[in-house]
Each structure stands twice: as C-alpha cells, then as structure tokens.
Amino acid sequence: MASQSLSFKGVTDADQVNRITTALMMLDGVDSVEVGRHGAEVEGRVRREALVKAIEALGLSIEVK
C-alpha cells in the first residue's frame, strides 16, 4: 500500500478538517486518511493530483502543497 503526505496552509477549524477527511475518503483507491490542520497522511493507491483536486473542489481557502 502506498502512502502520501500533503501539507496544508489555511485550515482553521475542525469543520474544515472533517470536510477534507470526507472528500479524501470518498476517492477510489483511498484506504485510510489522517487529516490535521497542517496536513494529511493518505494510505492507498490514488494519484496525488486526485487528492489535491478533491480538496480544491471543496472551495475552501486552503493552499495544498
């Protein structure tokens, strides 16, 4: 199983963390996700671009690295 890390800038509250967690878990190939205010650890077979797009689609003012 592959592991990927994402860094965030601009996550301000638990609601945003929950929305990001849900968006990432809904992607095909994602087995598990741990999300915090400063980033996420994703386990599974999914492309990084798909992870970033899922977060950007939420329309939050978050910078993903």
N, C-alpha and C. Protein backbone atom coordinates (compact mmCIF):
# COMPACT_ATOMS: atom_id res chain seq x y z
N MET A 1 0.84 -1.17 0.00
CA MET A 1 0.00 0.00 0.00
C MET A 1 0.89 1.24 0.00
N ALA A 2 0.55 2.20 -0.82
CA ALA A 2 1.34 3.42 -0.94
C ALA A 2 0.87 4.46 0.08
N SER A 3 1.80 5.28 0.52
CA SER A 3 1.49 6.34 1.47
C SER A 3 1.91 7.68 0.87
N GLN A 4 1.06 8.69 1.03
CA GLN A 4 1.37 10.02 0.53
C GLN A 4 1.10 11.05 1.62
N SER A 5 1.89 12.09 1.61
CA SER A 5 1.71 13.19 2.56
C SER A 5 1.33 14.46 1.81
N LEU A 6 0.40 15.20 2.37
CA LEU A 6 0.03 16.51 1.85
C LEU A 6 0.21 17.52 2.96
N SER A 7 0.65 18.71 2.61
CA SER A 7 0.77 19.81 3.57
C SER A 7 -0.29 20.84 3.24
N PHE A 8 -0.91 21.42 4.27
CA PHE A 8 -1.94 22.43 4.10
C PHE A 8 -1.49 23.74 4.71
N LYS A 9 -2.07 24.81 4.19
CA LYS A 9 -1.93 26.13 4.78
C LYS A 9 -3.31 26.76 4.70
N GLY A 10 -3.85 27.19 5.83
CA GLY A 10 -5.14 27.86 5.83
C GLY A 10 -6.29 27.08 6.42
N VAL A 11 -6.06 25.88 6.92
CA VAL A 11 -7.12 25.12 7.59
C VAL A 11 -7.28 25.72 8.98
N THR A 12 -8.49 26.17 9.30
CA THR A 12 -8.68 26.93 10.53
C THR A 12 -9.53 26.25 11.60
N ASP A 13 -10.32 25.24 11.22
CA ASP A 13 -11.20 24.65 12.24
C ASP A 13 -11.50 23.18 11.97
N ALA A 14 -12.16 22.56 12.93
CA ALA A 14 -12.46 21.12 12.85
C ALA A 14 -13.42 20.81 11.71
N ASP A 15 -14.33 21.73 11.39
CA ASP A 15 -15.25 21.50 10.28
C ASP A 15 -14.49 21.32 8.97
N GLN A 16 -13.49 22.15 8.74
CA GLN A 16 -12.69 22.01 7.52
C GLN A 16 -11.92 20.69 7.52
N VAL A 17 -11.37 20.30 8.65
CA VAL A 17 -10.67 19.02 8.76
C VAL A 17 -11.62 17.88 8.41
N ASN A 18 -12.84 17.93 8.95
CA ASN A 18 -13.83 16.88 8.67
C ASN A 18 -14.23 16.85 7.20
N ARG A 19 -14.40 18.01 6.59
CA ARG A 19 -14.76 18.07 5.17
C ARG A 19 -13.65 17.51 4.30
N ILE A 20 -12.41 17.83 4.62
CA ILE A 20 -11.27 17.30 3.87
C ILE A 20 -11.19 15.78 4.03
N THR A 21 -11.35 15.31 5.26
CA THR A 21 -11.30 13.88 5.53
C THR A 21 -12.34 13.14 4.70
N THR A 22 -13.57 13.64 4.70
CA THR A 22 -14.65 13.01 3.95
C THR A 22 -14.36 13.01 2.46
N ALA A 23 -13.90 14.14 1.93
CA ALA A 23 -13.61 14.24 0.50
C ALA A 23 -12.53 13.25 0.08
N LEU A 24 -11.49 13.11 0.89
CA LEU A 24 -10.41 12.19 0.54
C LEU A 24 -10.84 10.73 0.67
N MET A 25 -11.61 10.41 1.69
CA MET A 25 -12.06 9.03 1.89
C MET A 25 -13.01 8.56 0.78
N MET A 26 -13.69 9.48 0.13
CA MET A 26 -14.62 9.13 -0.94
C MET A 26 -13.92 8.76 -2.24
N LEU A 27 -12.64 9.06 -2.35
CA LEU A 27 -11.90 8.76 -3.58
C LEU A 27 -11.63 7.27 -3.71
N ASP A 28 -11.80 6.75 -4.93
CA ASP A 28 -11.45 5.36 -5.19
C ASP A 28 -9.97 5.14 -4.95
N GLY A 29 -9.65 4.08 -4.27
CA GLY A 29 -8.25 3.73 -4.03
C GLY A 29 -7.72 4.18 -2.68
N VAL A 30 -8.46 5.04 -1.98
CA VAL A 30 -8.01 5.50 -0.66
C VAL A 30 -8.46 4.49 0.39
N ASP A 31 -7.50 3.99 1.17
CA ASP A 31 -7.79 3.03 2.22
C ASP A 31 -7.96 3.69 3.58
N SER A 32 -7.13 4.69 3.87
CA SER A 32 -7.25 5.40 5.15
C SER A 32 -6.66 6.80 5.02
N VAL A 33 -7.15 7.68 5.88
CA VAL A 33 -6.74 9.09 5.85
C VAL A 33 -6.62 9.58 7.29
N GLU A 34 -5.56 10.31 7.57
CA GLU A 34 -5.42 11.04 8.83
C GLU A 34 -5.20 12.50 8.46
N VAL A 35 -6.14 13.34 8.85
CA VAL A 35 -6.08 14.76 8.49
C VAL A 35 -5.98 15.60 9.74
N GLY A 36 -5.12 16.61 9.68
CA GLY A 36 -4.99 17.60 10.75
C GLY A 36 -5.00 18.98 10.14
N ARG A 37 -4.78 19.98 10.95
CA ARG A 37 -4.81 21.37 10.45
C ARG A 37 -3.66 21.69 9.52
N HIS A 38 -2.58 20.92 9.59
CA HIS A 38 -1.40 21.25 8.79
C HIS A 38 -1.08 20.24 7.70
N GLY A 39 -1.91 19.19 7.58
CA GLY A 39 -1.63 18.23 6.53
C GLY A 39 -2.41 16.94 6.67
N ALA A 40 -2.11 16.01 5.75
CA ALA A 40 -2.79 14.72 5.75
C ALA A 40 -1.82 13.62 5.36
N GLU A 41 -2.07 12.45 5.91
CA GLU A 41 -1.37 11.22 5.52
C GLU A 41 -2.43 10.33 4.89
N VAL A 42 -2.17 9.91 3.65
CA VAL A 42 -3.15 9.11 2.91
C VAL A 42 -2.52 7.77 2.56
N GLU A 43 -3.24 6.68 2.87
CA GLU A 43 -2.81 5.33 2.52
C GLU A 43 -3.72 4.83 1.41
N GLY A 44 -3.12 4.24 0.39
CA GLY A 44 -3.90 3.65 -0.70
C GLY A 44 -3.26 3.91 -2.04
N ARG A 45 -3.94 3.44 -3.05
CA ARG A 45 -3.46 3.59 -4.42
C ARG A 45 -4.28 4.68 -5.11
N VAL A 46 -3.82 5.89 -4.97
CA VAL A 46 -4.51 7.03 -5.57
C VAL A 46 -3.46 8.06 -5.97
N ARG A 47 -3.73 8.74 -7.07
CA ARG A 47 -2.76 9.74 -7.56
C ARG A 47 -2.83 11.02 -6.72
N ARG A 48 -1.68 11.62 -6.52
CA ARG A 48 -1.60 12.87 -5.75
C ARG A 48 -2.51 13.94 -6.36
N GLU A 49 -2.55 14.00 -7.68
CA GLU A 49 -3.38 15.00 -8.36
C GLU A 49 -4.85 14.85 -7.97
N ALA A 50 -5.31 13.61 -7.82
CA ALA A 50 -6.70 13.36 -7.43
C ALA A 50 -6.96 13.86 -6.01
N LEU A 51 -5.99 13.68 -5.13
CA LEU A 51 -6.13 14.16 -3.75
C LEU A 51 -6.25 15.68 -3.72
N VAL A 52 -5.36 16.34 -4.44
CA VAL A 52 -5.35 17.81 -4.47
C VAL A 52 -6.66 18.33 -5.08
N LYS A 53 -7.12 17.72 -6.18
CA LYS A 53 -8.36 18.16 -6.82
C LYS A 53 -9.55 18.01 -5.89
N ALA A 54 -9.59 16.92 -5.13
CA ALA A 54 -10.70 16.69 -4.20
C ALA A 54 -10.75 17.78 -3.14
N ILE A 55 -9.59 18.20 -2.66
CA ILE A 55 -9.54 19.27 -1.65
C ILE A 55 -9.91 20.61 -2.28
N GLU A 56 -9.37 20.89 -3.45
CA GLU A 56 -9.68 22.16 -4.12
C GLU A 56 -11.16 22.26 -4.46
N ALA A 57 -11.81 21.13 -4.78
CA ALA A 57 -13.23 21.13 -5.13
C ALA A 57 -14.13 21.55 -3.97
N LEU A 58 -13.61 21.51 -2.75
CA LEU A 58 -14.38 21.92 -1.58
C LEU A 58 -14.60 23.43 -1.55
N GLY A 59 -13.79 24.18 -2.29
CA GLY A 59 -13.94 25.63 -2.35
C GLY A 59 -13.47 26.37 -1.11
N LEU A 60 -12.61 25.73 -0.33
CA LEU A 60 -12.06 26.37 0.87
C LEU A 60 -10.82 27.17 0.49
N SER A 61 -10.47 28.14 1.29
CA SER A 61 -9.27 28.95 1.04
C SER A 61 -8.06 28.24 1.64
N ILE A 62 -7.71 27.10 1.04
CA ILE A 62 -6.62 26.28 1.55
C ILE A 62 -5.58 26.10 0.47
N GLU A 63 -4.34 26.29 0.85
CA GLU A 63 -3.22 26.03 -0.06
C GLU A 63 -2.71 24.62 0.23
N VAL A 64 -2.66 23.79 -0.82
CA VAL A 64 -2.20 22.41 -0.68
C VAL A 64 -0.83 22.29 -1.31
N LYS A 65 0.11 21.69 -0.57
CA LYS A 65 1.47 21.51 -1.09
C LYS A 65 1.76 20.04 -1.20
